[in-house]
Structures are given as structure tokens and as C-alpha cells.
Amino acid sequence: MTIHTIGLIHEGTIISRTQTGTDEYGSPVYTENSTLSPCRFLASNNSGQIDVLESGEHSVSEVSVILPSDIVVEAGDTISSTVPGYSHSYEMVSVIAITRLFNSTVYHYECKLKAVE
């Protein structure tokens, strides 16, 4: 049994890259695969960090996403959305499989995100 999708009120496009070979110079060649998935974006209340970028100072809050267990994701994948407040592209920094209490069945995934500029 997976997480109830009724709680996954958002929708995101997950883009993963798979190495499909190498080019004539030996550099890896990647294919991008995209998957539309129900999800739930979350922002932490801890917004104390300030990043200084070329465009100025930006307040940083931690953003994470909850994904159903039938989605295949790994750190380095990206997710984008048009959900107000989360309409950016994010890189998945970490992916944690949340399992049921008394067995190893994956219930859902919690992914820490980093905004991609």
C-alpha cells in the first residue's frame, strides 16, 4: 500500500538523466526521462539563512517534496512545478525512503530540494 494520493495536492514533473553511452570523445551521453507525478511540496519555517548571489541577497528556506512510493527517484534528479510558491526547478539533494513500521515496504519518499538557478 502506498501513501494516499489525496494528501498529495500538488503535481510536479520529475526529470531524471540516464547515461545511454558515450560520444566519439569518450564523454558520457545522457537521455532525459520526464514523469508527471502527484506530490506535496513543503517549506520549513526556518528561513534564517541568507545567500548572496549575483542578483542580490536572497532569503533561503528549506524546501522538500513528498512523492509516492511507485515513483523511481534518486539524488541529482530535478523536479519542476507550476504550483504557486514552488514554481521553480529544484534539484533533489537527498532522497529518503520512508518505510512502514513493521516491514520494509516503502510508504513514500521524502526529498530535500535545492533551487536551480
PDB file of N, CA and C in Angstrom:
ATOM      1  N   MET A   1       0.841  -1.175   0.000  1.00  0.00           N
ATOM      2  CA  MET A   1       0.000   0.000   0.000  1.00  0.00           C
ATOM      3  C   MET A   1       0.887   1.239   0.000  1.00  0.00           C
ATOM      4  N   THR A   2       0.538   2.214  -0.773  1.00  0.00           N
ATOM      5  CA  THR A   2       1.313   3.441  -0.887  1.00  0.00           C
ATOM      6  C   THR A   2       0.611   4.574  -0.143  1.00  0.00           C
ATOM      7  N   ILE A   3       1.265   5.706  -0.059  1.00  0.00           N
ATOM      8  CA  ILE A   3       0.676   6.872   0.586  1.00  0.00           C
ATOM      9  C   ILE A   3      -0.613   7.249  -0.137  1.00  0.00           C
ATOM     10  N   HIS A   4      -1.586   7.694   0.602  1.00  0.00           N
ATOM     11  CA  HIS A   4      -2.845   8.118  -0.017  1.00  0.00           C
ATOM     12  C   HIS A   4      -2.586   9.346  -0.870  1.00  0.00           C
ATOM     13  N   THR A   5      -2.945   9.271  -2.139  1.00  0.00           N
ATOM     14  CA  THR A   5      -2.687  10.395  -3.040  1.00  0.00           C
ATOM     15  C   THR A   5      -3.582  11.581  -2.747  1.00  0.00           C
ATOM     16  N   ILE A   6      -4.575  11.426  -1.877  1.00  0.00           N
ATOM     17  CA  ILE A   6      -5.422  12.564  -1.536  1.00  0.00           C
ATOM     18  C   ILE A   6      -4.605  13.640  -0.808  1.00  0.00           C
ATOM     19  N   GLY A   7      -3.549  13.233  -0.102  1.00  0.00           N
ATOM     20  CA  GLY A   7      -2.693  14.193   0.586  1.00  0.00           C
ATOM     21  C   GLY A   7      -1.656  14.828  -0.320  1.00  0.00           C
ATOM     22  N   LEU A   8      -1.482  14.266  -1.503  1.00  0.00           N
ATOM     23  CA  LEU A   8      -0.512  14.800  -2.460  1.00  0.00           C
ATOM     24  C   LEU A   8      -1.248  15.789  -3.356  1.00  0.00           C
ATOM     25  N   ILE A   9      -1.362  17.024  -2.876  1.00  0.00           N
ATOM     26  CA  ILE A   9      -2.224  18.028  -3.506  1.00  0.00           C
ATOM     27  C   ILE A   9      -1.552  18.786  -4.641  1.00  0.00           C
ATOM     28  N   HIS A  10      -0.280  18.555  -4.867  1.00  0.00           N
ATOM     29  CA  HIS A  10       0.449  19.240  -5.933  1.00  0.00           C
ATOM     30  C   HIS A  10       0.807  18.260  -7.043  1.00  0.00           C
ATOM     31  N   GLU A  11       1.382  18.794  -8.097  1.00  0.00           N
ATOM     32  CA  GLU A  11       1.828  17.973  -9.218  1.00  0.00           C
ATOM     33  C   GLU A  11       3.177  18.502  -9.685  1.00  0.00           C
ATOM     34  N   GLY A  12       4.095  17.604  -9.969  1.00  0.00           N
ATOM     35  CA  GLY A  12       5.421  18.012 -10.415  1.00  0.00           C
ATOM     36  C   GLY A  12       5.931  17.116 -11.521  1.00  0.00           C
ATOM     37  N   THR A  13       6.821  17.673 -12.325  1.00  0.00           N
ATOM     38  CA  THR A  13       7.462  16.911 -13.389  1.00  0.00           C
ATOM     39  C   THR A  13       8.868  16.552 -12.937  1.00  0.00           C
ATOM     40  N   ILE A  14       9.128  15.263 -12.819  1.00  0.00           N
ATOM     41  CA  ILE A  14      10.434  14.768 -12.386  1.00  0.00           C
ATOM     42  C   ILE A  14      11.248  14.444 -13.625  1.00  0.00           C
ATOM     43  N   ILE A  15      12.459  14.989 -13.679  1.00  0.00           N
ATOM     44  CA  ILE A  15      13.345  14.742 -14.813  1.00  0.00           C
ATOM     45  C   ILE A  15      14.580  14.008 -14.304  1.00  0.00           C
ATOM     46  N   SER A  16      14.797  12.819 -14.845  1.00  0.00           N
ATOM     47  CA  SER A  16      15.982  12.038 -14.482  1.00  0.00           C
ATOM     48  C   SER A  16      16.838  11.846 -15.722  1.00  0.00           C
ATOM     49  N   ARG A  17      18.131  11.761 -15.494  1.00  0.00           N
ATOM     50  CA  ARG A  17      19.076  11.564 -16.600  1.00  0.00           C
ATOM     51  C   ARG A  17      19.672  10.177 -16.492  1.00  0.00           C
ATOM     52  N   THR A  18      19.669   9.468 -17.612  1.00  0.00           N
ATOM     53  CA  THR A  18      20.236   8.124 -17.681  1.00  0.00           C
ATOM     54  C   THR A  18      21.350   8.116 -18.712  1.00  0.00           C
ATOM     55  N   GLN A  19      22.513   7.608 -18.330  1.00  0.00           N
ATOM     56  CA  GLN A  19      23.611   7.522 -19.287  1.00  0.00           C
ATOM     57  C   GLN A  19      23.304   6.426 -20.293  1.00  0.00           C
ATOM     58  N   THR A  20      23.314   6.802 -21.581  1.00  0.00           N
ATOM     59  CA  THR A  20      22.978   5.842 -22.638  1.00  0.00           C
ATOM     60  C   THR A  20      24.185   5.437 -23.467  1.00  0.00           C
ATOM     61  N   GLY A  21      25.343   5.962 -23.148  1.00  0.00           N
ATOM     62  CA  GLY A  21      26.543   5.613 -23.904  1.00  0.00           C
ATOM     63  C   GLY A  21      27.560   6.733 -23.828  1.00  0.00           C
ATOM     64  N   THR A  22      28.478   6.738 -24.793  1.00  0.00           N
ATOM     65  CA  THR A  22      29.497   7.783 -24.867  1.00  0.00           C
ATOM     66  C   THR A  22      29.575   8.286 -26.299  1.00  0.00           C
ATOM     67  N   ASP A  23      30.078   9.520 -26.440  1.00  0.00           N
ATOM     68  CA  ASP A  23      30.255  10.070 -27.783  1.00  0.00           C
ATOM     69  C   ASP A  23      31.638   9.690 -28.313  1.00  0.00           C
ATOM     70  N   GLU A  24      31.997  10.228 -29.479  1.00  0.00           N
ATOM     71  CA  GLU A  24      33.272   9.854 -30.106  1.00  0.00           C
ATOM     72  C   GLU A  24      34.495  10.298 -29.306  1.00  0.00           C
ATOM     73  N   TYR A  25      34.296  11.215 -28.327  1.00  0.00           N
ATOM     74  CA  TYR A  25      35.406  11.687 -27.499  1.00  0.00           C
ATOM     75  C   TYR A  25      35.458  10.976 -26.146  1.00  0.00           C
ATOM     76  N   GLY A  26      34.540  10.043 -25.929  1.00  0.00           N
ATOM     77  CA  GLY A  26      34.514   9.313 -24.667  1.00  0.00           C
ATOM     78  C   GLY A  26      33.698   9.982 -23.577  1.00  0.00           C
ATOM     79  N   SER A  27      33.060  11.112 -23.895  1.00  0.00           N
ATOM     80  CA  SER A  27      32.218  11.794 -22.912  1.00  0.00           C
ATOM     81  C   SER A  27      30.866  11.091 -22.816  1.00  0.00           C
ATOM     82  N   PRO A  28      30.303  11.024 -21.609  1.00  0.00           N
ATOM     83  CA  PRO A  28      29.016  10.339 -21.468  1.00  0.00           C
ATOM     84  C   PRO A  28      27.889  11.074 -22.199  1.00  0.00           C
ATOM     85  N   VAL A  29      26.973  10.304 -22.760  1.00  0.00           N
ATOM     86  CA  VAL A  29      25.780  10.834 -23.418  1.00  0.00           C
ATOM     87  C   VAL A  29      24.588  10.441 -22.553  1.00  0.00           C
ATOM     88  N   TYR A  30      23.732  11.417 -22.246  1.00  0.00           N
ATOM     89  CA  TYR A  30      22.600  11.188 -21.363  1.00  0.00           C
ATOM     90  C   TYR A  30      21.283  11.350 -22.106  1.00  0.00           C
ATOM     91  N   THR A  31      20.285  10.617 -21.647  1.00  0.00           N
ATOM     92  CA  THR A  31      18.916  10.762 -22.116  1.00  0.00           C
ATOM     93  C   THR A  31      18.082  11.231 -20.937  1.00  0.00           C
ATOM     94  N   GLU A  32      17.237  12.246 -21.168  1.00  0.00           N
ATOM     95  CA  GLU A  32      16.368  12.737 -20.106  1.00  0.00           C
ATOM     96  C   GLU A  32      15.014  12.053 -20.185  1.00  0.00           C
ATOM     97  N   ASN A  33      14.543  11.593 -19.037  1.00  0.00           N
ATOM     98  CA  ASN A  33      13.222  10.986 -18.924  1.00  0.00           C
ATOM     99  C   ASN A  33      12.386  11.858 -17.997  1.00  0.00           C
ATOM    100  N   SER A  34      11.174  12.193 -18.401  1.00  0.00           N
ATOM    101  CA  SER A  34      10.320  13.009 -17.540  1.00  0.00           C
ATOM    102  C   SER A  34       9.074  12.226 -17.144  1.00  0.00           C
ATOM    103  N   THR A  35       8.661  12.426 -15.889  1.00  0.00           N
ATOM    104  CA  THR A  35       7.498  11.749 -15.330  1.00  0.00           C
ATOM    105  C   THR A  35       6.662  12.768 -14.576  1.00  0.00           C
ATOM    106  N   LEU A  36       5.382  12.845 -14.879  1.00  0.00           N
ATOM    107  CA  LEU A  36       4.456  13.702 -14.145  1.00  0.00           C
ATOM    108  C   LEU A  36       3.940  12.911 -12.952  1.00  0.00           C
ATOM    109  N   SER A  37       4.021  13.502 -11.759  1.00  0.00           N
ATOM    110  CA  SER A  37       3.663  12.761 -10.553  1.00  0.00           C
ATOM    111  C   SER A  37       2.901  13.640  -9.574  1.00  0.00           C
ATOM    112  N   PRO A  38       1.947  13.048  -8.844  1.00  0.00           N
ATOM    113  CA  PRO A  38       1.374  13.777  -7.716  1.00  0.00           C
ATOM    114  C   PRO A  38       2.455  13.918  -6.654  1.00  0.00           C
ATOM    115  N   CYS A  39       2.414  15.002  -5.897  1.00  0.00           N
ATOM    116  CA  CYS A  39       3.424  15.242  -4.874  1.00  0.00           C
ATOM    117  C   CYS A  39       2.879  16.253  -3.880  1.00  0.00           C
ATOM    118  N   ARG A  40       3.684  16.575  -2.895  1.00  0.00           N
ATOM    119  CA  ARG A  40       3.335  17.640  -1.957  1.00  0.00           C
ATOM    120  C   ARG A  40       4.609  18.374  -1.596  1.00  0.00           C
ATOM    121  N   PHE A  41       4.652  19.651  -1.958  1.00  0.00           N
ATOM    122  CA  PHE A  41       5.786  20.493  -1.616  1.00  0.00           C
ATOM    123  C   PHE A  41       5.603  21.018  -0.199  1.00  0.00           C
ATOM    124  N   LEU A  42       6.713  21.117   0.524  1.00  0.00           N
ATOM    125  CA  LEU A  42       6.710  21.627   1.891  1.00  0.00           C
ATOM    126  C   LEU A  42       7.872  22.593   2.058  1.00  0.00           C
ATOM    127  N   ALA A  43       7.643  23.662   2.795  1.00  0.00           N
ATOM    128  CA  ALA A  43       8.713  24.615   3.117  1.00  0.00           C
ATOM    129  C   ALA A  43       8.878  24.648   4.625  1.00  0.00           C
ATOM    130  N   SER A  44      10.118  24.658   5.082  1.00  0.00           N
ATOM    131  CA  SER A  44      10.366  24.708   6.520  1.00  0.00           C
ATOM    132  C   SER A  44      10.135  26.123   7.023  1.00  0.00           C
ATOM    133  N   ASN A  45       9.916  26.220   8.313  1.00  0.00           N
ATOM    134  CA  ASN A  45       9.736  27.534   8.930  1.00  0.00           C
ATOM    135  C   ASN A  45      11.065  28.202   9.225  1.00  0.00           C
ATOM    136  N   ASN A  46      12.164  27.480   9.057  1.00  0.00           N
ATOM    137  CA  ASN A  46      13.488  28.012   9.341  1.00  0.00           C
ATOM    138  C   ASN A  46      14.003  28.752   8.115  1.00  0.00           C
ATOM    139  N   SER A  47      13.861  30.062   8.099  1.00  0.00           N
ATOM    140  CA  SER A  47      14.308  30.848   6.944  1.00  0.00           C
ATOM    141  C   SER A  47      15.404  31.822   7.352  1.00  0.00           C
ATOM    142  N   GLY A  48      16.305  31.401   8.232  1.00  0.00           N
ATOM    143  CA  GLY A  48      17.315  32.288   8.761  1.00  0.00           C
ATOM    144  C   GLY A  48      18.540  32.470   7.895  1.00  0.00           C
ATOM    145  N   GLN A  49      18.713  31.668   6.852  1.00  0.00           N
ATOM    146  CA  GLN A  49      19.910  31.743   6.033  1.00  0.00           C
ATOM    147  C   GLN A  49      19.720  32.741   4.895  1.00  0.00           C
ATOM    148  N   ILE A  50      20.752  33.541   4.636  1.00  0.00           N
ATOM    149  CA  ILE A  50      20.747  34.496   3.532  1.00  0.00           C
ATOM    150  C   ILE A  50      21.856  34.100   2.569  1.00  0.00           C
ATOM    151  N   ASP A  51      21.516  33.882   1.308  1.00  0.00           N
ATOM    152  CA  ASP A  51      22.505  33.608   0.266  1.00  0.00           C
ATOM    153  C   ASP A  51      22.747  34.882  -0.525  1.00  0.00           C
ATOM    154  N   VAL A  52      24.015  35.173  -0.799  1.00  0.00           N
ATOM    155  CA  VAL A  52      24.371  36.334  -1.604  1.00  0.00           C
ATOM    156  C   VAL A  52      24.747  35.835  -2.990  1.00  0.00           C
ATOM    157  N   LEU A  53      23.935  36.196  -3.973  1.00  0.00           N
ATOM    158  CA  LEU A  53      24.151  35.791  -5.355  1.00  0.00           C
ATOM    159  C   LEU A  53      24.388  37.024  -6.209  1.00  0.00           C
ATOM    160  N   GLU A  54      24.694  36.824  -7.475  1.00  0.00           N
ATOM    161  CA  GLU A  54      24.895  37.952  -8.383  1.00  0.00           C
ATOM    162  C   GLU A  54      23.661  38.841  -8.450  1.00  0.00           C
ATOM    163  N   SER A  55      22.488  38.236  -8.316  1.00  0.00           N
ATOM    164  CA  SER A  55      21.246  39.005  -8.406  1.00  0.00           C
ATOM    165  C   SER A  55      20.877  39.691  -7.096  1.00  0.00           C
ATOM    166  N   GLY A  56      21.677  39.507  -6.046  1.00  0.00           N
ATOM    167  CA  GLY A  56      21.412  40.156  -4.768  1.00  0.00           C
ATOM    168  C   GLY A  56      21.317  39.148  -3.642  1.00  0.00           C
ATOM    169  N   GLU A  57      20.828  39.625  -2.480  1.00  0.00           N
ATOM    170  CA  GLU A  57      20.666  38.762  -1.320  1.00  0.00           C
ATOM    171  C   GLU A  57      19.296  38.088  -1.371  1.00  0.00           C
ATOM    172  N   HIS A  58      19.282  36.801  -1.036  1.00  0.00           N
ATOM    173  CA  HIS A  58      18.041  36.036  -1.067  1.00  0.00           C
ATOM    174  C   HIS A  58      17.889  35.258   0.231  1.00  0.00           C
ATOM    175  N   SER A  59      16.701  35.345   0.826  1.00  0.00           N
ATOM    176  CA  SER A  59      16.384  34.545   1.999  1.00  0.00           C
ATOM    177  C   SER A  59      16.146  33.109   1.546  1.00  0.00           C
ATOM    178  N   VAL A  60      16.744  32.169   2.259  1.00  0.00           N
ATOM    179  CA  VAL A  60      16.662  30.769   1.859  1.00  0.00           C
ATOM    180  C   VAL A  60      15.841  30.000   2.887  1.00  0.00           C
ATOM    181  N   SER A  61      14.860  29.257   2.419  1.00  0.00           N
ATOM    182  CA  SER A  61      14.137  28.335   3.286  1.00  0.00           C
ATOM    183  C   SER A  61      14.286  26.942   2.693  1.00  0.00           C
ATOM    184  N   GLU A  62      14.299  25.955   3.552  1.00  0.00           N
ATOM    185  CA  GLU A  62      14.437  24.585   3.074  1.00  0.00           C
ATOM    186  C   GLU A  62      13.126  24.136   2.450  1.00  0.00           C
ATOM    187  N   VAL A  63      13.226  23.572   1.265  1.00  0.00           N
ATOM    188  CA  VAL A  63      12.058  23.059   0.556  1.00  0.00           C
ATOM    189  C   VAL A  63      12.237  21.558   0.394  1.00  0.00           C
ATOM    190  N   SER A  64      11.165  20.828   0.611  1.00  0.00           N
ATOM    191  CA  SER A  64      11.186  19.384   0.396  1.00  0.00           C
ATOM    192  C   SER A  64       9.915  18.983  -0.337  1.00  0.00           C
ATOM    193  N   VAL A  65       9.901  17.747  -0.802  1.00  0.00           N
ATOM    194  CA  VAL A  65       8.738  17.235  -1.519  1.00  0.00           C
ATOM    195  C   VAL A  65       8.494  15.797  -1.077  1.00  0.00           C
ATOM    196  N   ILE A  66       7.231  15.443  -0.981  1.00  0.00           N
ATOM    197  CA  ILE A  66       6.834  14.069  -0.685  1.00  0.00           C
ATOM    198  C   ILE A  66       6.327  13.457  -1.981  1.00  0.00           C
ATOM    199  N   LEU A  67       6.830  12.266  -2.298  1.00  0.00           N
ATOM    200  CA  LEU A  67       6.459  11.564  -3.530  1.00  0.00           C
ATOM    201  C   LEU A  67       5.932  10.175  -3.196  1.00  0.00           C
ATOM    202  N   PRO A  68       5.016   9.647  -4.017  1.00  0.00           N
ATOM    203  CA  PRO A  68       4.509   8.295  -3.768  1.00  0.00           C
ATOM    204  C   PRO A  68       5.590   7.241  -4.003  1.00  0.00           C
ATOM    205  N   SER A  69       5.387   6.065  -3.444  1.00  0.00           N
ATOM    206  CA  SER A  69       6.410   5.015  -3.495  1.00  0.00           C
ATOM    207  C   SER A  69       6.576   4.385  -4.872  1.00  0.00           C
ATOM    208  N   ASP A  70       5.630   4.582  -5.772  1.00  0.00           N
ATOM    209  CA  ASP A  70       5.753   3.958  -7.094  1.00  0.00           C
ATOM    210  C   ASP A  70       6.579   4.783  -8.072  1.00  0.00           C
ATOM    211  N   ILE A  71       7.139   5.894  -7.615  1.00  0.00           N
ATOM    212  CA  ILE A  71       7.999   6.745  -8.436  1.00  0.00           C
ATOM    213  C   ILE A  71       9.451   6.347  -8.188  1.00  0.00           C
ATOM    214  N   VAL A  72      10.250   6.284  -9.246  1.00  0.00           N
ATOM    215  CA  VAL A  72      11.676   5.979  -9.119  1.00  0.00           C
ATOM    216  C   VAL A  72      12.441   7.295  -9.172  1.00  0.00           C
ATOM    217  N   VAL A  73      13.092   7.650  -8.060  1.00  0.00           N
ATOM    218  CA  VAL A  73      13.863   8.893  -7.986  1.00  0.00           C
ATOM    219  C   VAL A  73      15.198   8.624  -7.307  1.00  0.00           C
ATOM    220  N   GLU A  74      16.152   9.512  -7.565  1.00  0.00           N
ATOM    221  CA  GLU A  74      17.444   9.442  -6.891  1.00  0.00           C
ATOM    222  C   GLU A  74      18.003  10.851  -6.785  1.00  0.00           C
ATOM    223  N   ALA A  75      18.957  11.020  -5.883  1.00  0.00           N
ATOM    224  CA  ALA A  75      19.602  12.320  -5.722  1.00  0.00           C
ATOM    225  C   ALA A  75      20.195  12.746  -7.061  1.00  0.00           C
ATOM    226  N   GLY A  76      20.033  14.014  -7.397  1.00  0.00           N
ATOM    227  CA  GLY A  76      20.510  14.536  -8.672  1.00  0.00           C
ATOM    228  C   GLY A  76      19.397  14.737  -9.677  1.00  0.00           C
ATOM    229  N   ASP A  77      18.261  14.053  -9.496  1.00  0.00           N
ATOM    230  CA  ASP A  77      17.107  14.288 -10.361  1.00  0.00           C
ATOM    231  C   ASP A  77      16.566  15.688 -10.091  1.00  0.00           C
ATOM    232  N   THR A  78      15.788  16.215 -11.025  1.00  0.00           N
ATOM    233  CA  THR A  78      15.168  17.523 -10.825  1.00  0.00           C
ATOM    234  C   THR A  78      13.657  17.380 -10.853  1.00  0.00           C
ATOM    235  N   ILE A  79      12.995  18.328 -10.195  1.00  0.00           N
ATOM    236  CA  ILE A  79      11.543  18.389 -10.212  1.00  0.00           C
ATOM    237  C   ILE A  79      11.149  19.839 -10.441  1.00  0.00           C
ATOM    238  N   SER A  80      10.157  20.046 -11.282  1.00  0.00           N
ATOM    239  CA  SER A  80       9.663  21.396 -11.539  1.00  0.00           C
ATOM    240  C   SER A  80       8.151  21.380 -11.434  1.00  0.00           C
ATOM    241  N   SER A  81       7.603  22.562 -11.146  1.00  0.00           N
ATOM    242  CA  SER A  81       6.171  22.651 -10.937  1.00  0.00           C
ATOM    243  C   SER A  81       5.687  24.056 -11.251  1.00  0.00           C
ATOM    244  N   THR A  82       4.393  24.175 -11.437  1.00  0.00           N
ATOM    245  CA  THR A  82       3.774  25.492 -11.617  1.00  0.00           C
ATOM    246  C   THR A  82       2.933  25.852 -10.399  1.00  0.00           C
ATOM    247  N   VAL A  83       3.108  25.122  -9.304  1.00  0.00           N
ATOM    248  CA  VAL A  83       2.371  25.384  -8.073  1.00  0.00           C
ATOM    249  C   VAL A  83       2.806  26.744  -7.523  1.00  0.00           C
ATOM    250  N   PRO A  84       1.859  27.653  -7.223  1.00  0.00           N
ATOM    251  CA  PRO A  84       2.239  28.956  -6.659  1.00  0.00           C
ATOM    252  C   PRO A  84       3.114  28.786  -5.416  1.00  0.00           C
ATOM    253  N   GLY A  85       4.201  29.521  -5.384  1.00  0.00           N
ATOM    254  CA  GLY A  85       5.157  29.431  -4.290  1.00  0.00           C
ATOM    255  C   GLY A  85       6.257  28.412  -4.529  1.00  0.00           C
ATOM    256  N   TYR A  86       6.046  27.498  -5.450  1.00  0.00           N
ATOM    257  CA  TYR A  86       7.025  26.454  -5.759  1.00  0.00           C
ATOM    258  C   TYR A  86       7.257  26.344  -7.259  1.00  0.00           C
ATOM    259  N   SER A  87       7.018  27.411  -7.985  1.00  0.00           N
ATOM    260  CA  SER A  87       7.110  27.369  -9.457  1.00  0.00           C
ATOM    261  C   SER A  87       8.549  27.592  -9.917  1.00  0.00           C
ATOM    262  N   HIS A  88       9.409  26.681  -9.523  1.00  0.00           N
ATOM    263  CA  HIS A  88      10.823  26.707  -9.882  1.00  0.00           C
ATOM    264  C   HIS A  88      11.239  25.299 -10.290  1.00  0.00           C
ATOM    265  N   SER A  89      12.485  25.186 -10.683  1.00  0.00           N
ATOM    266  CA  SER A  89      13.104  23.871 -10.851  1.00  0.00           C
ATOM    267  C   SER A  89      13.974  23.626  -9.630  1.00  0.00           C
ATOM    268  N   TYR A  90      13.901  22.427  -9.101  1.00  0.00           N
ATOM    269  CA  TYR A  90      14.659  22.055  -7.918  1.00  0.00           C
ATOM    270  C   TYR A  90      15.460  20.793  -8.198  1.00  0.00           C
ATOM    271  N   GLU A  91      16.652  20.741  -7.631  1.00  0.00           N
ATOM    272  CA  GLU A  91      17.461  19.525  -7.675  1.00  0.00           C
ATOM    273  C   GLU A  91      17.203  18.737  -6.400  1.00  0.00           C
ATOM    274  N   MET A  92      17.071  17.435  -6.520  1.00  0.00           N
ATOM    275  CA  MET A  92      16.891  16.582  -5.348  1.00  0.00           C
ATOM    276  C   MET A  92      18.256  16.325  -4.722  1.00  0.00           C
ATOM    277  N   VAL A  93      18.464  16.894  -3.554  1.00  0.00           N
ATOM    278  CA  VAL A  93      19.738  16.778  -2.858  1.00  0.00           C
ATOM    279  C   VAL A  93      19.826  15.435  -2.133  1.00  0.00           C
ATOM    280  N   SER A  94      18.730  15.017  -1.526  1.00  0.00           N
ATOM    281  CA  SER A  94      18.694  13.712  -0.860  1.00  0.00           C
ATOM    282  C   SER A  94      17.311  13.102  -1.030  1.00  0.00           C
ATOM    283  N   VAL A  95      17.282  11.790  -1.079  1.00  0.00           N
ATOM    284  CA  VAL A  95      16.029  11.041  -1.209  1.00  0.00           C
ATOM    285  C   VAL A  95      15.994  10.024  -0.075  1.00  0.00           C
ATOM    286  N   ILE A  96      14.963  10.109   0.754  1.00  0.00           N
ATOM    287  CA  ILE A  96      14.828   9.200   1.890  1.00  0.00           C
ATOM    288  C   ILE A  96      13.565   8.369   1.694  1.00  0.00           C
ATOM    289  N   ALA A  97      13.727   7.057   1.689  1.00  0.00           N
ATOM    290  CA  ALA A  97      12.581   6.154   1.592  1.00  0.00           C
ATOM    291  C   ALA A  97      11.984   5.986   2.986  1.00  0.00           C
ATOM    292  N   ILE A  98      10.719   6.334   3.143  1.00  0.00           N
ATOM    293  CA  ILE A  98      10.019   6.168   4.414  1.00  0.00           C
ATOM    294  C   ILE A  98       9.275   4.835   4.345  1.00  0.00           C
ATOM    295  N   THR A  99       9.590   3.948   5.284  1.00  0.00           N
ATOM    296  CA  THR A  99       9.013   2.602   5.259  1.00  0.00           C
ATOM    297  C   THR A  99       7.947   2.443   6.336  1.00  0.00           C
ATOM    298  N   ARG A 100       7.174   1.400   6.192  1.00  0.00           N
ATOM    299  CA  ARG A 100       6.162   1.058   7.192  1.00  0.00           C
ATOM    300  C   ARG A 100       6.862   0.618   8.478  1.00  0.00           C
ATOM    301  N   LEU A 101       6.152   0.686   9.582  1.00  0.00           N
ATOM    302  CA  LEU A 101       6.737   0.443  10.894  1.00  0.00           C
ATOM    303  C   LEU A 101       7.295  -0.971  11.067  1.00  0.00           C
ATOM    304  N   PHE A 102       6.569  -1.988  10.665  1.00  0.00           N
ATOM    305  CA  PHE A 102       6.993  -3.355  10.957  1.00  0.00           C
ATOM    306  C   PHE A 102       7.457  -4.150   9.747  1.00  0.00           C
ATOM    307  N   ASN A 103       7.651  -3.498   8.608  1.00  0.00           N
ATOM    308  CA  ASN A 103       8.237  -4.191   7.460  1.00  0.00           C
ATOM    309  C   ASN A 103       9.003  -3.184   6.619  1.00  0.00           C
ATOM    310  N   SER A 104       9.600  -3.635   5.574  1.00  0.00           N
ATOM    311  CA  SER A 104      10.458  -2.752   4.786  1.00  0.00           C
ATOM    312  C   SER A 104       9.767  -2.204   3.542  1.00  0.00           C
ATOM    313  N   THR A 105       8.444  -2.267   3.479  1.00  0.00           N
ATOM    314  CA  THR A 105       7.707  -1.732   2.341  1.00  0.00           C
ATOM    315  C   THR A 105       7.801  -0.208   2.341  1.00  0.00           C
ATOM    316  N   VAL A 106       8.196   0.354   1.206  1.00  0.00           N
ATOM    317  CA  VAL A 106       8.311   1.814   1.105  1.00  0.00           C
ATOM    318  C   VAL A 106       6.915   2.417   1.059  1.00  0.00           C
ATOM    319  N   TYR A 107       6.666   3.360   1.967  1.00  0.00           N
ATOM    320  CA  TYR A 107       5.377   4.046   2.053  1.00  0.00           C
ATOM    321  C   TYR A 107       5.356   5.277   1.153  1.00  0.00           C
ATOM    322  N   HIS A 108       6.429   6.072   1.232  1.00  0.00           N
ATOM    323  CA  HIS A 108       6.595   7.229   0.358  1.00  0.00           C
ATOM    324  C   HIS A 108       8.050   7.683   0.427  1.00  0.00           C
ATOM    325  N   TYR A 109       8.396   8.669  -0.398  1.00  0.00           N
ATOM    326  CA  TYR A 109       9.743   9.247  -0.404  1.00  0.00           C
ATOM    327  C   TYR A 109       9.679  10.690   0.067  1.00  0.00           C
ATOM    328  N   GLU A 110      10.658  11.092   0.862  1.00  0.00           N
ATOM    329  CA  GLU A 110      10.827  12.489   1.250  1.00  0.00           C
ATOM    330  C   GLU A 110      12.143  12.965   0.657  1.00  0.00           C
ATOM    331  N   CYS A 111      12.075  14.023  -0.131  1.00  0.00           N
ATOM    332  CA  CYS A 111      13.250  14.522  -0.849  1.00  0.00           C
ATOM    333  C   CYS A 111      13.548  15.953  -0.436  1.00  0.00           C
ATOM    334  N   LYS A 112      14.780  16.199  -0.026  1.00  0.00           N
ATOM    335  CA  LYS A 112      15.237  17.564   0.232  1.00  0.00           C
ATOM    336  C   LYS A 112      15.591  18.185  -1.107  1.00  0.00           C
ATOM    337  N   LEU A 113      15.201  19.442  -1.299  1.00  0.00           N
ATOM    338  CA  LEU A 113      15.383  20.097  -2.585  1.00  0.00           C
ATOM    339  C   LEU A 113      16.282  21.317  -2.483  1.00  0.00           C
ATOM    340  N   LYS A 114      16.908  21.651  -3.606  1.00  0.00           N
ATOM    341  CA  LYS A 114      17.723  22.856  -3.732  1.00  0.00           C
ATOM    342  C   LYS A 114      17.299  23.534  -5.030  1.00  0.00           C
ATOM    343  N   ALA A 115      16.982  24.826  -4.944  1.00  0.00           N
ATOM    344  CA  ALA A 115      16.541  25.555  -6.134  1.00  0.00           C
ATOM    345  C   ALA A 115      17.660  25.616  -7.161  1.00  0.00           C
ATOM    346  N   VAL A 116      17.302  25.436  -8.422  1.00  0.00           N
ATOM    347  CA  VAL A 116      18.251  25.500  -9.531  1.00  0.00           C
ATOM    348  C   VAL A 116      18.092  26.858 -10.183  1.00  0.00           C
ATOM    349  N   GLU A 117      19.211  27.578 -10.319  1.00  0.00           N
ATOM    350  CA  GLU A 117      19.139  28.906 -10.959  1.00  0.00           C
ATOM    351  C   GLU A 117      19.468  28.817 -12.414  1.00  0.00           C
TER     352      GLU A 117
END
